[in-house]
Amino acid sequence: MNKIILTLAGLFAPQIVMAAPLPEHSDLLATNTVVAVYEKTVDRPCRHLTSLCPDRCNHAKKLATFRVVVNENYEHPGQYGDDKSEPGSVVYVDMLHDEPGQDESVRKLISELKPGDAVRIRIDHYYVNGDSCKYPVRPVTLIERVEKPANIPPAKDKEPIMDIMPLAR
């Protein structure tokens, strides 16, 4: 086939952006469903700690921060997994990359939020048991707007630590 035709077809084809599916061998460790208030989006730059930094490492993050108001549902079927998200704690969602098993509409909805908007978020914590590698995955599996709660708890810490393992990378 002609290279020009293929190039033009690629330019005019609809863009389909999908997150990778959740790997086949993954165990559900915990599920947190919380009502949270969107606070802000912060840039966390790469700290240049590996030879891949800064352009091939994926260390830089753009994190949407949410203050947990109430934990509606917490399930912990196994021995390991994330702790229950307590009121006043912070949930981070990476705005640059979709987690495996996360729908692309999650980042779209978060980008439309204004500070103070309330949402219901469900974050599942999986552990992937691949043949060659094992790693945690924390996709946001539900996000929807809700009415803003009357009482928003104060922050647990004055300034949240950005280097902790966020609930949703």
C-alpha atoms as a PDB file:
ATOM      1  CA  MET A   1       0.000   0.000   0.000  1.00  0.00           C
ATOM      2  CA  ASN A   2       1.132   3.535  -0.631  1.00  0.00           C
ATOM      3  CA  LYS A   3       2.990   5.164   2.315  1.00  0.00           C
ATOM      4  CA  ILE A   4       1.199   8.477   1.765  1.00  0.00           C
ATOM      5  CA  ILE A   5      -2.225   6.835   2.068  1.00  0.00           C
ATOM      6  CA  LEU A   6      -1.202   5.089   5.291  1.00  0.00           C
ATOM      7  CA  THR A   7       0.148   8.351   6.714  1.00  0.00           C
ATOM      8  CA  LEU A   8      -3.048  10.231   5.854  1.00  0.00           C
ATOM      9  CA  ALA A   9      -5.193   7.452   7.297  1.00  0.00           C
ATOM     10  CA  GLY A  10      -3.221   7.659  10.539  1.00  0.00           C
ATOM     11  CA  LEU A  11      -3.678  11.426  10.720  1.00  0.00           C
ATOM     12  CA  PHE A  12      -7.442  11.348  10.237  1.00  0.00           C
ATOM     13  CA  ALA A  13      -8.233   8.214  12.248  1.00  0.00           C
ATOM     14  CA  PRO A  14      -9.933   8.861  15.601  1.00  0.00           C
ATOM     15  CA  GLN A  15      -7.594   8.901  18.578  1.00  0.00           C
ATOM     16  CA  ILE A  16      -8.266   5.993  20.910  1.00  0.00           C
ATOM     17  CA  VAL A  17      -6.526   6.257  24.255  1.00  0.00           C
ATOM     18  CA  MET A  18      -7.025   3.359  26.623  1.00  0.00           C
ATOM     19  CA  ALA A  19      -5.204   2.349  29.743  1.00  0.00           C
ATOM     20  CA  ALA A  20      -3.612  -1.040  29.769  1.00  0.00           C
ATOM     21  CA  PRO A  21      -5.892  -3.745  31.110  1.00  0.00           C
ATOM     22  CA  LEU A  22      -5.220  -5.119  34.545  1.00  0.00           C
ATOM     23  CA  PRO A  23      -2.687  -7.953  34.241  1.00  0.00           C
ATOM     24  CA  GLU A  24      -4.107 -11.474  34.358  1.00  0.00           C
ATOM     25  CA  HIS A  25      -2.311 -12.601  37.518  1.00  0.00           C
ATOM     26  CA  SER A  26      -3.321  -9.910  40.001  1.00  0.00           C
ATOM     27  CA  ASP A  27      -4.641 -10.273  43.531  1.00  0.00           C
ATOM     28  CA  LEU A  28      -7.013  -7.740  45.087  1.00  0.00           C
ATOM     29  CA  LEU A  29      -5.482  -6.651  48.396  1.00  0.00           C
ATOM     30  CA  ALA A  30      -7.730  -3.760  49.447  1.00  0.00           C
ATOM     31  CA  THR A  31     -10.500  -1.456  48.267  1.00  0.00           C
ATOM     32  CA  ASN A  32     -11.182   2.046  49.593  1.00  0.00           C
ATOM     33  CA  THR A  33     -14.330   3.946  48.612  1.00  0.00           C
ATOM     34  CA  VAL A  34     -14.216   7.495  49.949  1.00  0.00           C
ATOM     35  CA  VAL A  35     -15.989  10.802  49.591  1.00  0.00           C
ATOM     36  CA  ALA A  36     -13.268  13.396  49.150  1.00  0.00           C
ATOM     37  CA  VAL A  37     -12.893  17.067  48.292  1.00  0.00           C
ATOM     38  CA  TYR A  38     -10.580  18.082  45.462  1.00  0.00           C
ATOM     39  CA  GLU A  39      -7.924  20.487  46.761  1.00  0.00           C
ATOM     40  CA  LYS A  40      -5.380  21.132  44.014  1.00  0.00           C
ATOM     41  CA  THR A  41      -3.041  19.625  41.464  1.00  0.00           C
ATOM     42  CA  VAL A  42       0.665  19.816  42.251  1.00  0.00           C
ATOM     43  CA  ASP A  43       3.717  19.123  40.121  1.00  0.00           C
ATOM     44  CA  ARG A  44       6.293  16.821  41.681  1.00  0.00           C
ATOM     45  CA  PRO A  45       9.488  17.010  39.615  1.00  0.00           C
ATOM     46  CA  CYS A  46      11.918  14.184  39.033  1.00  0.00           C
ATOM     47  CA  ARG A  47      14.688  14.157  41.640  1.00  0.00           C
ATOM     48  CA  HIS A  48      17.307  12.760  39.218  1.00  0.00           C
ATOM     49  CA  LEU A  49      18.140   9.614  41.197  1.00  0.00           C
ATOM     50  CA  THR A  50      18.636   7.096  38.375  1.00  0.00           C
ATOM     51  CA  SER A  51      20.501   6.943  35.088  1.00  0.00           C
ATOM     52  CA  LEU A  52      17.170   7.179  33.232  1.00  0.00           C
ATOM     53  CA  CYS A  53      16.383  10.578  34.758  1.00  0.00           C
ATOM     54  CA  PRO A  54      14.917  12.942  33.879  1.00  0.00           C
ATOM     55  CA  ASP A  55      13.425  12.116  30.485  1.00  0.00           C
ATOM     56  CA  ARG A  56      12.910   8.322  30.572  1.00  0.00           C
ATOM     57  CA  CYS A  57      12.207   7.553  34.225  1.00  0.00           C
ATOM     58  CA  ASN A  58       8.517   8.466  34.777  1.00  0.00           C
ATOM     59  CA  HIS A  59       9.430   9.890  38.206  1.00  0.00           C
ATOM     60  CA  ALA A  60       7.880  13.313  37.582  1.00  0.00           C
ATOM     61  CA  LYS A  61       4.231  13.400  38.602  1.00  0.00           C
ATOM     62  CA  LYS A  62       1.306  15.754  38.339  1.00  0.00           C
ATOM     63  CA  LEU A  63      -0.720  14.781  41.389  1.00  0.00           C
ATOM     64  CA  ALA A  64      -4.346  15.682  41.996  1.00  0.00           C
ATOM     65  CA  THR A  65      -4.860  15.860  45.763  1.00  0.00           C
ATOM     66  CA  PHE A  66      -8.112  14.992  47.489  1.00  0.00           C
ATOM     67  CA  ARG A  67      -8.935  15.448  51.202  1.00  0.00           C
ATOM     68  CA  VAL A  68     -10.896  12.438  52.500  1.00  0.00           C
ATOM     69  CA  VAL A  69     -14.158  13.439  54.200  1.00  0.00           C
ATOM     70  CA  VAL A  70     -15.623  10.020  54.915  1.00  0.00           C
ATOM     71  CA  ASN A  71     -14.693   6.428  54.105  1.00  0.00           C
ATOM     72  CA  GLU A  72     -17.870   4.769  52.831  1.00  0.00           C
ATOM     73  CA  ASN A  73     -16.513   1.288  52.261  1.00  0.00           C
ATOM     74  CA  TYR A  74     -13.258  -0.475  53.057  1.00  0.00           C
ATOM     75  CA  GLU A  75     -12.506  -4.078  52.171  1.00  0.00           C
ATOM     76  CA  HIS A  76      -9.299  -5.869  53.077  1.00  0.00           C
ATOM     77  CA  PRO A  77      -9.638  -9.485  51.899  1.00  0.00           C
ATOM     78  CA  GLY A  78      -5.981 -10.441  52.301  1.00  0.00           C
ATOM     79  CA  GLN A  79      -3.099 -10.112  54.703  1.00  0.00           C
ATOM     80  CA  TYR A  80      -1.506  -7.160  52.890  1.00  0.00           C
ATOM     81  CA  GLY A  81      -2.905  -4.033  51.287  1.00  0.00           C
ATOM     82  CA  ASP A  82      -3.504  -0.348  51.881  1.00  0.00           C
ATOM     83  CA  ASP A  83      -4.865   0.820  55.209  1.00  0.00           C
ATOM     84  CA  LYS A  84      -8.292   2.371  55.554  1.00  0.00           C
ATOM     85  CA  SER A  85      -8.316   6.006  54.394  1.00  0.00           C
ATOM     86  CA  GLU A  86      -9.253   8.046  57.450  1.00  0.00           C
ATOM     87  CA  PRO A  87     -11.061  11.419  57.361  1.00  0.00           C
ATOM     88  CA  GLY A  88      -8.514  14.204  56.936  1.00  0.00           C
ATOM     89  CA  SER A  89      -6.021  12.042  55.055  1.00  0.00           C
ATOM     90  CA  VAL A  90      -4.995  12.794  51.487  1.00  0.00           C
ATOM     91  CA  VAL A  91      -5.503  10.690  48.353  1.00  0.00           C
ATOM     92  CA  TYR A  92      -3.259  11.335  45.349  1.00  0.00           C
ATOM     93  CA  VAL A  93      -4.146  10.540  41.728  1.00  0.00           C
ATOM     94  CA  ASP A  94      -1.485  10.775  39.007  1.00  0.00           C
ATOM     95  CA  MET A  95      -2.727  12.998  36.190  1.00  0.00           C
ATOM     96  CA  LEU A  96       0.044  12.101  33.726  1.00  0.00           C
ATOM     97  CA  HIS A  97      -0.434   8.333  33.515  1.00  0.00           C
ATOM     98  CA  ASP A  98      -3.342   5.907  33.780  1.00  0.00           C
ATOM     99  CA  GLU A  99      -2.839   2.907  36.007  1.00  0.00           C
ATOM    100  CA  PRO A 100      -3.513  -0.499  34.452  1.00  0.00           C
ATOM    101  CA  GLY A 101      -7.203  -1.234  34.952  1.00  0.00           C
ATOM    102  CA  GLN A 102      -8.129   2.472  35.147  1.00  0.00           C
ATOM    103  CA  ASP A 103     -10.513   4.045  32.658  1.00  0.00           C
ATOM    104  CA  GLU A 104      -9.241   7.050  30.706  1.00  0.00           C
ATOM    105  CA  SER A 105     -12.300   9.061  31.794  1.00  0.00           C
ATOM    106  CA  VAL A 106     -10.868   9.335  35.341  1.00  0.00           C
ATOM    107  CA  ARG A 107      -8.230  11.905  34.400  1.00  0.00           C
ATOM    108  CA  LYS A 108     -10.721  13.735  32.177  1.00  0.00           C
ATOM    109  CA  LEU A 109     -13.201  14.179  35.029  1.00  0.00           C
ATOM    110  CA  ILE A 110     -10.469  15.242  37.479  1.00  0.00           C
ATOM    111  CA  SER A 111      -9.191  17.863  35.027  1.00  0.00           C
ATOM    112  CA  GLU A 112     -12.688  19.425  35.032  1.00  0.00           C
ATOM    113  CA  LEU A 113     -12.835  19.717  38.846  1.00  0.00           C
ATOM    114  CA  LYS A 114     -12.449  23.000  40.700  1.00  0.00           C
ATOM    115  CA  PRO A 115     -10.984  23.235  44.227  1.00  0.00           C
ATOM    116  CA  GLY A 116     -13.719  22.389  46.716  1.00  0.00           C
ATOM    117  CA  ASP A 117     -15.636  20.008  44.415  1.00  0.00           C
ATOM    118  CA  ALA A 118     -16.627  16.743  46.093  1.00  0.00           C
ATOM    119  CA  VAL A 119     -16.290  13.314  44.496  1.00  0.00           C
ATOM    120  CA  ARG A 120     -16.717   9.667  45.396  1.00  0.00           C
ATOM    121  CA  ILE A 121     -13.538   7.740  44.586  1.00  0.00           C
ATOM    122  CA  ARG A 122     -12.925   3.994  44.727  1.00  0.00           C
ATOM    123  CA  ILE A 123      -9.303   2.894  44.615  1.00  0.00           C
ATOM    124  CA  ASP A 124      -8.482  -0.788  44.325  1.00  0.00           C
ATOM    125  CA  HIS A 125      -5.076  -2.035  45.455  1.00  0.00           C
ATOM    126  CA  TYR A 126      -3.882  -5.011  43.403  1.00  0.00           C
ATOM    127  CA  TYR A 127      -0.631  -6.930  43.541  1.00  0.00           C
ATOM    128  CA  VAL A 128       0.490  -8.185  40.146  1.00  0.00           C
ATOM    129  CA  ASN A 129       2.218 -11.587  40.210  1.00  0.00           C
ATOM    130  CA  GLY A 130       3.831 -11.727  36.792  1.00  0.00           C
ATOM    131  CA  ASP A 131       6.346 -14.313  35.648  1.00  0.00           C
ATOM    132  CA  SER A 132       9.237 -11.862  35.581  1.00  0.00           C
ATOM    133  CA  CYS A 133       8.091  -9.035  37.857  1.00  0.00           C
ATOM    134  CA  LYS A 134       5.845  -8.309  40.813  1.00  0.00           C
ATOM    135  CA  TYR A 135       4.482  -4.850  41.593  1.00  0.00           C
ATOM    136  CA  PRO A 136       1.497  -3.015  43.122  1.00  0.00           C
ATOM    137  CA  VAL A 137      -1.191  -1.355  41.019  1.00  0.00           C
ATOM    138  CA  ARG A 138      -3.728   1.132  42.399  1.00  0.00           C
ATOM    139  CA  PRO A 139      -6.285   2.054  39.721  1.00  0.00           C
ATOM    140  CA  VAL A 140      -9.135   4.463  40.386  1.00  0.00           C
ATOM    141  CA  THR A 141     -12.107   2.274  39.444  1.00  0.00           C
ATOM    142  CA  LEU A 142     -14.869   4.765  40.268  1.00  0.00           C
ATOM    143  CA  ILE A 143     -15.038   8.538  40.330  1.00  0.00           C
ATOM    144  CA  GLU A 144     -18.249  10.526  40.353  1.00  0.00           C
ATOM    145  CA  ARG A 145     -19.311  13.958  41.489  1.00  0.00           C
ATOM    146  CA  VAL A 146     -21.318  14.147  44.714  1.00  0.00           C
ATOM    147  CA  GLU A 147     -22.811  16.942  46.781  1.00  0.00           C
ATOM    148  CA  LYS A 148     -20.244  18.745  48.914  1.00  0.00           C
ATOM    149  CA  PRO A 149     -20.372  17.524  52.538  1.00  0.00           C
ATOM    150  CA  ALA A 150     -21.140  20.039  55.291  1.00  0.00           C
ATOM    151  CA  ASN A 151     -18.200  19.112  57.524  1.00  0.00           C
ATOM    152  CA  ILE A 152     -14.765  18.757  55.977  1.00  0.00           C
ATOM    153  CA  PRO A 153     -12.202  17.414  58.450  1.00  0.00           C
ATOM    154  CA  PRO A 154      -8.934  19.289  58.967  1.00  0.00           C
ATOM    155  CA  ALA A 155      -5.736  17.945  57.483  1.00  0.00           C
ATOM    156  CA  LYS A 156      -3.950  15.278  59.501  1.00  0.00           C
ATOM    157  CA  ASP A 157      -0.582  16.893  58.706  1.00  0.00           C
ATOM    158  CA  LYS A 158       0.183  20.520  57.930  1.00  0.00           C
ATOM    159  CA  GLU A 159       1.899  19.603  54.677  1.00  0.00           C
ATOM    160  CA  PRO A 160       1.358  16.131  53.202  1.00  0.00           C
ATOM    161  CA  ILE A 161       4.507  14.200  52.362  1.00  0.00           C
ATOM    162  CA  MET A 162       4.648  13.856  48.593  1.00  0.00           C
ATOM    163  CA  ASP A 163       7.129  10.973  48.547  1.00  0.00           C
ATOM    164  CA  ILE A 164       4.913   8.450  50.302  1.00  0.00           C
ATOM    165  CA  MET A 165       3.298   5.702  48.258  1.00  0.00           C
ATOM    166  CA  PRO A 166       0.075   7.372  47.103  1.00  0.00           C
ATOM    167  CA  LEU A 167      -3.128   5.384  46.968  1.00  0.00           C
ATOM    168  CA  ALA A 168      -3.376   5.937  43.243  1.00  0.00           C
ATOM    169  CA  ARG A 169       0.076   6.520  41.914  1.00  0.00           C
END
